[in-house]
Amino acid sequence: MDNVSQTLFYPLLGRALASRQWPDLFPDPWARQAEEIARKEGTTAKAMEGFPTIIYGLRHRISVLEITRYLDEHPGAAVVNIGCGLDSLAQDLGGYDCTIYNLDFPDVIDMRARWIPRAENEKDLPYSATDLEWLDHVDASRGVIAVAAGVFFYLEIDDVRTLVTAMAERFPGGRLTYDAESPSMTERSERMVAQNGTPTPMPFKLKDPYTPRTWSDNISDIHVTFNFLDYFPRSLRRQLPLFTFRFGMFMIKIMRGMYQVTIDFKG
């Protein structure tokens, strides 16, 4: 298993730890099951404790919220999980009418086949995200939302630009949502991942998170969320650890160190 493939275990292990420590905030039974997969696959990846644990749990929460918001307005839409890894969105979207496309490298899709029963509304796309052939296999006739949780970090800026431009042209009325970090924060993430056993470059470093709106005339809107507390109802925010998360989120918001980007394509 190469280093990039190894990285697919970080979110699962982080989500599992977040779910154990804060079950009301990050209910995630699948991630906890997936810990056993990580052990049997012999990955060197380890759960990063503390603030990163909450971020992994939050990243999954954001993905599900963004998807369900779109599906509420576009029932029957396609959901593309870019860099799906061993994620199982079918469990999170059980009550929604949609088709889920699991997009990842062929070896990762093979690993999924060994461990994850495929739901009736799931289809596998054994491609790199940068191999644009995968766009030909998505039925976007009822809308499409693509999520890239923790994925673009590992891609070159030019590759992400090409991907976004192609999606904007092919998926009118569609949406793309992804998380990213400032260049300095990304460099810090690179060091943390390396310290945990899997040194992997993270070349996606944009100084301006709004830059993608200049990539295509087919982009109608771009929204950037810097305050991740917005993804929690007020009734739950007090349950978040004050110093390890709420204060950290406040500082990141001020520095614009971490954010969620949502791009809408012209219909």
Protein backbone atom coordinates (compact mmCIF):
# COMPACT_ATOMS: atom_id res chain seq x y z
CA MET A 1 0.00 0.00 0.00
CA ASP A 2 1.53 3.33 -1.05
CA ASN A 3 1.60 6.44 1.12
CA VAL A 4 -1.39 8.10 -0.52
CA SER A 5 -3.49 4.97 -0.03
CA GLN A 6 -2.31 4.81 3.58
CA THR A 7 -3.80 8.24 4.19
CA LEU A 8 -7.32 6.90 3.71
CA PHE A 9 -7.09 5.41 7.21
CA TYR A 10 -6.42 8.71 8.99
CA PRO A 11 -10.00 10.00 8.67
CA LEU A 12 -11.48 6.66 9.72
CA LEU A 13 -9.27 6.33 12.78
CA GLY A 14 -9.83 9.97 13.70
CA ARG A 15 -13.59 9.69 13.24
CA ALA A 16 -13.68 6.53 15.34
CA LEU A 17 -11.81 8.23 18.18
CA ALA A 18 -14.07 11.29 17.98
CA SER A 19 -17.14 9.05 18.07
CA ARG A 20 -15.92 7.29 21.21
CA GLN A 21 -15.01 10.49 23.02
CA TRP A 22 -18.03 12.58 21.95
CA PRO A 23 -20.76 10.15 20.81
CA ASP A 24 -23.51 12.79 20.90
CA LEU A 25 -21.54 15.16 18.68
CA PHE A 26 -20.06 12.65 16.26
CA PRO A 27 -22.19 9.49 16.09
CA ASP A 28 -20.29 7.32 13.64
CA PRO A 29 -20.66 3.54 14.11
CA TRP A 30 -19.15 2.76 10.71
CA ALA A 31 -15.84 4.45 11.53
CA ARG A 32 -15.56 2.39 14.69
CA GLN A 33 -16.14 -0.79 12.69
CA ALA A 34 -13.51 0.34 10.20
CA GLU A 35 -10.81 0.34 12.89
CA GLU A 36 -10.70 -3.44 12.52
CA ILE A 37 -10.18 -3.06 8.77
CA ALA A 38 -7.20 -0.80 9.41
CA ARG A 39 -5.69 -3.36 11.74
CA LYS A 40 -6.12 -6.26 9.32
CA GLU A 41 -4.81 -4.26 6.36
CA GLY A 42 -1.63 -3.55 8.32
CA THR A 43 -1.63 0.21 7.89
CA THR A 44 1.02 2.29 9.66
CA ALA A 45 -1.48 5.14 10.08
CA LYS A 46 -2.42 6.07 13.63
CA ALA A 47 -5.19 8.18 15.07
CA MET A 48 -3.98 11.71 15.79
CA GLU A 49 -5.33 12.66 19.19
CA GLY A 50 -6.49 16.04 20.43
CA PHE A 51 -7.60 18.74 18.02
CA PRO A 52 -7.10 16.61 14.84
CA THR A 53 -9.50 14.01 16.26
CA ILE A 54 -12.30 16.56 16.39
CA ILE A 55 -11.44 17.83 12.91
CA TYR A 56 -11.83 14.35 11.42
CA GLY A 57 -15.18 13.93 13.13
CA LEU A 58 -16.24 17.38 12.01
CA ARG A 59 -15.15 16.77 8.41
CA HIS A 60 -17.50 13.81 8.18
CA ARG A 61 -20.32 15.76 9.84
CA ILE A 62 -19.90 18.60 7.34
CA SER A 63 -19.92 16.23 4.36
CA VAL A 64 -23.20 14.65 5.43
CA LEU A 65 -24.81 18.02 6.19
CA GLU A 66 -23.79 19.52 2.84
CA ILE A 67 -25.04 16.46 0.97
CA THR A 68 -28.40 16.35 2.73
CA ARG A 69 -28.94 20.08 2.17
CA TYR A 70 -28.52 19.54 -1.55
CA LEU A 71 -30.67 16.40 -1.60
CA ASP A 72 -33.48 18.22 0.19
CA GLU A 73 -33.65 20.53 -2.85
CA HIS A 74 -32.70 17.92 -5.47
CA PRO A 75 -34.22 14.53 -4.57
CA GLY A 76 -32.80 11.71 -6.64
CA ALA A 77 -29.52 13.52 -7.27
CA ALA A 78 -26.15 11.86 -7.72
CA VAL A 79 -23.73 11.99 -4.79
CA VAL A 80 -20.07 11.65 -5.79
CA ASN A 81 -17.72 10.81 -2.92
CA ILE A 82 -14.37 11.94 -4.34
CA GLY A 83 -11.56 9.97 -2.74
CA CYS A 84 -14.12 7.85 -0.88
CA GLY A 85 -11.55 5.61 0.77
CA LEU A 86 -13.38 3.21 3.07
CA ASP A 87 -16.18 5.65 3.78
CA SER A 88 -19.76 4.39 3.79
CA LEU A 89 -22.10 7.26 2.95
CA ALA A 90 -24.88 4.77 2.26
CA GLN A 91 -25.33 4.40 6.01
CA ASP A 92 -25.54 8.16 6.52
CA LEU A 93 -27.96 8.73 3.63
CA GLY A 94 -30.27 5.79 4.20
CA GLY A 95 -33.41 7.92 4.19
CA TYR A 96 -32.61 9.83 1.00
CA ASP A 97 -33.37 9.15 -2.65
CA CYS A 98 -29.98 9.33 -4.34
CA THR A 99 -27.31 7.39 -6.20
CA ILE A 100 -23.93 7.28 -4.47
CA TYR A 101 -20.79 7.07 -6.59
CA ASN A 102 -17.67 5.90 -4.77
CA LEU A 103 -14.67 7.38 -6.58
CA ASP A 104 -11.15 6.29 -5.72
CA PHE A 105 -8.06 4.48 -7.01
CA PRO A 106 -8.70 0.93 -8.28
CA ASP A 107 -6.80 -0.66 -5.38
CA VAL A 108 -8.95 1.25 -2.89
CA ILE A 109 -12.14 0.17 -4.67
CA ASP A 110 -10.85 -3.42 -4.51
CA MET A 111 -10.29 -2.99 -0.78
CA ARG A 112 -13.85 -1.69 -0.41
CA ALA A 113 -15.14 -4.81 -2.16
CA ARG A 114 -13.41 -6.96 0.46
CA TRP A 115 -14.79 -5.13 3.45
CA ILE A 116 -17.92 -3.12 2.62
CA PRO A 117 -21.17 -4.61 1.29
CA ARG A 118 -22.34 -2.40 -1.57
CA ALA A 119 -25.81 -0.91 -1.17
CA GLU A 120 -28.31 -1.05 -4.03
CA ASN A 121 -27.94 2.67 -4.71
CA GLU A 122 -24.13 2.62 -4.80
CA LYS A 123 -21.84 2.49 -7.82
CA ASP A 124 -18.06 2.23 -7.77
CA LEU A 125 -15.81 4.38 -9.94
CA PRO A 126 -12.25 2.96 -9.95
CA TYR A 127 -10.47 6.10 -11.11
CA SER A 128 -8.16 8.75 -9.81
CA ALA A 129 -10.03 11.99 -9.22
CA THR A 130 -7.79 13.58 -11.84
CA ASP A 131 -8.73 11.01 -14.50
CA LEU A 132 -11.69 12.87 -15.94
CA GLU A 133 -13.10 9.73 -17.54
CA TRP A 134 -15.09 9.19 -14.35
CA LEU A 135 -17.35 12.12 -15.27
CA ASP A 136 -18.75 10.03 -18.14
CA HIS A 137 -20.15 7.49 -15.69
CA VAL A 138 -22.18 9.82 -13.47
CA ASP A 139 -25.88 10.29 -14.18
CA ALA A 140 -26.42 13.94 -13.25
CA SER A 141 -29.86 14.26 -14.83
CA ARG A 142 -31.46 14.93 -11.43
CA GLY A 143 -28.60 16.98 -10.05
CA VAL A 144 -25.21 16.15 -8.58
CA ILE A 145 -23.26 17.04 -5.49
CA ALA A 146 -19.64 16.01 -5.14
CA VAL A 147 -17.80 16.00 -1.82
CA ALA A 148 -14.04 15.88 -1.41
CA ALA A 149 -13.33 15.52 2.30
CA GLY A 150 -9.62 15.76 3.02
CA VAL A 151 -8.77 14.94 -0.60
CA PHE A 152 -7.63 18.07 -2.42
CA PHE A 153 -4.73 18.50 0.02
CA TYR A 154 -2.90 15.77 -1.90
CA LEU A 155 -3.50 17.17 -5.40
CA GLU A 156 -1.64 19.81 -7.36
CA ILE A 157 -3.42 23.14 -7.75
CA ASP A 158 -3.48 22.74 -11.54
CA ASP A 159 -5.10 19.32 -11.21
CA VAL A 160 -7.83 20.69 -8.95
CA ARG A 161 -8.38 23.59 -11.33
CA THR A 162 -8.77 21.19 -14.27
CA LEU A 163 -11.18 19.03 -12.28
CA VAL A 164 -13.34 21.93 -11.11
CA THR A 165 -13.46 23.40 -14.62
CA ALA A 166 -14.54 20.06 -16.10
CA MET A 167 -17.20 19.51 -13.45
CA ALA A 168 -18.60 23.01 -13.93
CA GLU A 169 -19.00 22.30 -17.63
CA ARG A 170 -20.38 18.77 -17.31
CA PHE A 171 -22.67 19.20 -14.30
CA PRO A 172 -24.85 22.31 -14.76
CA GLY A 173 -26.77 23.05 -11.58
CA GLY A 174 -24.41 20.81 -9.63
CA ARG A 175 -22.38 21.53 -6.54
CA LEU A 176 -18.91 20.72 -5.21
CA THR A 177 -17.88 21.04 -1.58
CA TYR A 178 -14.43 20.45 -0.12
CA ASP A 179 -12.28 21.42 2.84
CA ALA A 180 -8.91 23.13 2.63
CA GLU A 181 -6.37 25.01 4.71
CA SER A 182 -4.15 28.04 4.39
CA PRO A 183 -0.61 27.32 3.13
CA SER A 184 0.91 27.63 6.61
CA MET A 185 -1.72 25.36 8.15
CA THR A 186 -1.26 22.82 5.36
CA GLU A 187 2.49 22.73 6.03
CA ARG A 188 1.71 22.02 9.67
CA SER A 189 -0.62 19.20 8.62
CA GLU A 190 2.14 17.74 6.45
CA ARG A 191 4.45 17.59 9.45
CA MET A 192 1.80 15.99 11.66
CA VAL A 193 1.01 13.28 9.10
CA ALA A 194 4.73 12.57 8.66
CA GLN A 195 5.18 12.27 12.43
CA ASN A 196 2.43 9.66 12.49
CA GLY A 197 4.20 7.40 10.01
CA THR A 198 3.06 8.38 6.50
CA PRO A 199 5.02 11.30 5.01
CA THR A 200 2.97 12.53 2.04
CA PRO A 201 3.25 15.87 0.19
CA MET A 202 0.26 18.21 0.34
CA PRO A 203 0.77 20.57 -2.62
CA PHE A 204 -2.70 22.16 -2.67
CA LYS A 205 -1.83 25.50 -1.08
CA LEU A 206 -3.99 28.43 -2.18
CA LYS A 207 -3.37 31.83 -0.62
CA ASP A 208 -6.90 32.97 -1.47
CA PRO A 209 -9.68 30.42 -0.84
CA TYR A 210 -11.94 32.30 -3.27
CA THR A 211 -9.53 31.72 -6.16
CA PRO A 212 -11.63 28.90 -7.72
CA ARG A 213 -14.34 31.37 -8.76
CA THR A 214 -11.90 32.61 -11.42
CA TRP A 215 -11.37 29.14 -12.86
CA SER A 216 -14.55 28.86 -14.92
CA ASP A 217 -17.34 31.00 -16.32
CA ASN A 218 -19.67 28.13 -15.44
CA ILE A 219 -19.31 28.80 -11.71
CA SER A 220 -22.31 30.73 -10.41
CA ASP A 221 -21.34 31.09 -6.75
CA ILE A 222 -18.69 30.18 -4.22
CA HIS A 223 -19.22 30.18 -0.48
CA VAL A 224 -16.44 29.80 2.06
CA THR A 225 -17.19 28.92 5.69
CA PHE A 226 -14.41 29.85 8.11
CA ASN A 227 -16.38 29.23 11.31
CA PHE A 228 -16.93 25.50 11.68
CA LEU A 229 -19.15 26.09 14.69
CA ASP A 230 -21.79 27.07 12.14
CA TYR A 231 -22.20 23.36 11.43
CA PHE A 232 -23.45 22.72 14.96
CA PRO A 233 -26.81 23.80 16.39
CA ARG A 234 -26.44 26.07 19.40
CA SER A 235 -27.78 23.32 21.64
CA LEU A 236 -24.70 21.19 20.87
CA ARG A 237 -21.97 23.81 20.80
CA ARG A 238 -21.61 23.85 24.59
CA GLN A 239 -20.73 20.16 24.51
CA LEU A 240 -17.65 20.89 22.43
CA PRO A 241 -14.42 21.04 24.46
CA LEU A 242 -13.78 24.69 25.28
CA PHE A 243 -10.00 24.89 24.94
CA THR A 244 -9.27 22.04 22.54
CA PHE A 245 -11.96 23.00 20.06
CA ARG A 246 -14.02 26.14 20.61
CA PHE A 247 -11.01 28.33 21.32
CA GLY A 248 -9.05 26.61 18.55
CA MET A 249 -11.89 27.19 16.09
CA PHE A 250 -12.04 30.85 17.11
CA MET A 251 -8.33 31.30 16.38
CA ILE A 252 -8.55 29.42 13.07
CA LYS A 253 -11.50 31.58 12.06
CA ILE A 254 -9.50 34.74 12.79
CA MET A 255 -6.47 33.43 10.86
CA ARG A 256 -8.60 31.84 8.12
CA GLY A 257 -6.46 28.78 8.59
CA MET A 258 -9.10 26.17 7.81
CA TYR A 259 -12.31 26.41 5.83
CA GLN A 260 -15.05 24.69 3.84
CA VAL A 261 -15.57 25.70 0.20
CA THR A 262 -18.88 25.15 -1.59
CA ILE A 263 -19.03 25.85 -5.33
CA ASP A 264 -22.27 26.03 -7.29
CA PHE A 265 -22.27 25.48 -11.04
CA LYS A 266 -24.50 27.45 -13.37
CA GLY A 267 -27.69 25.64 -14.31
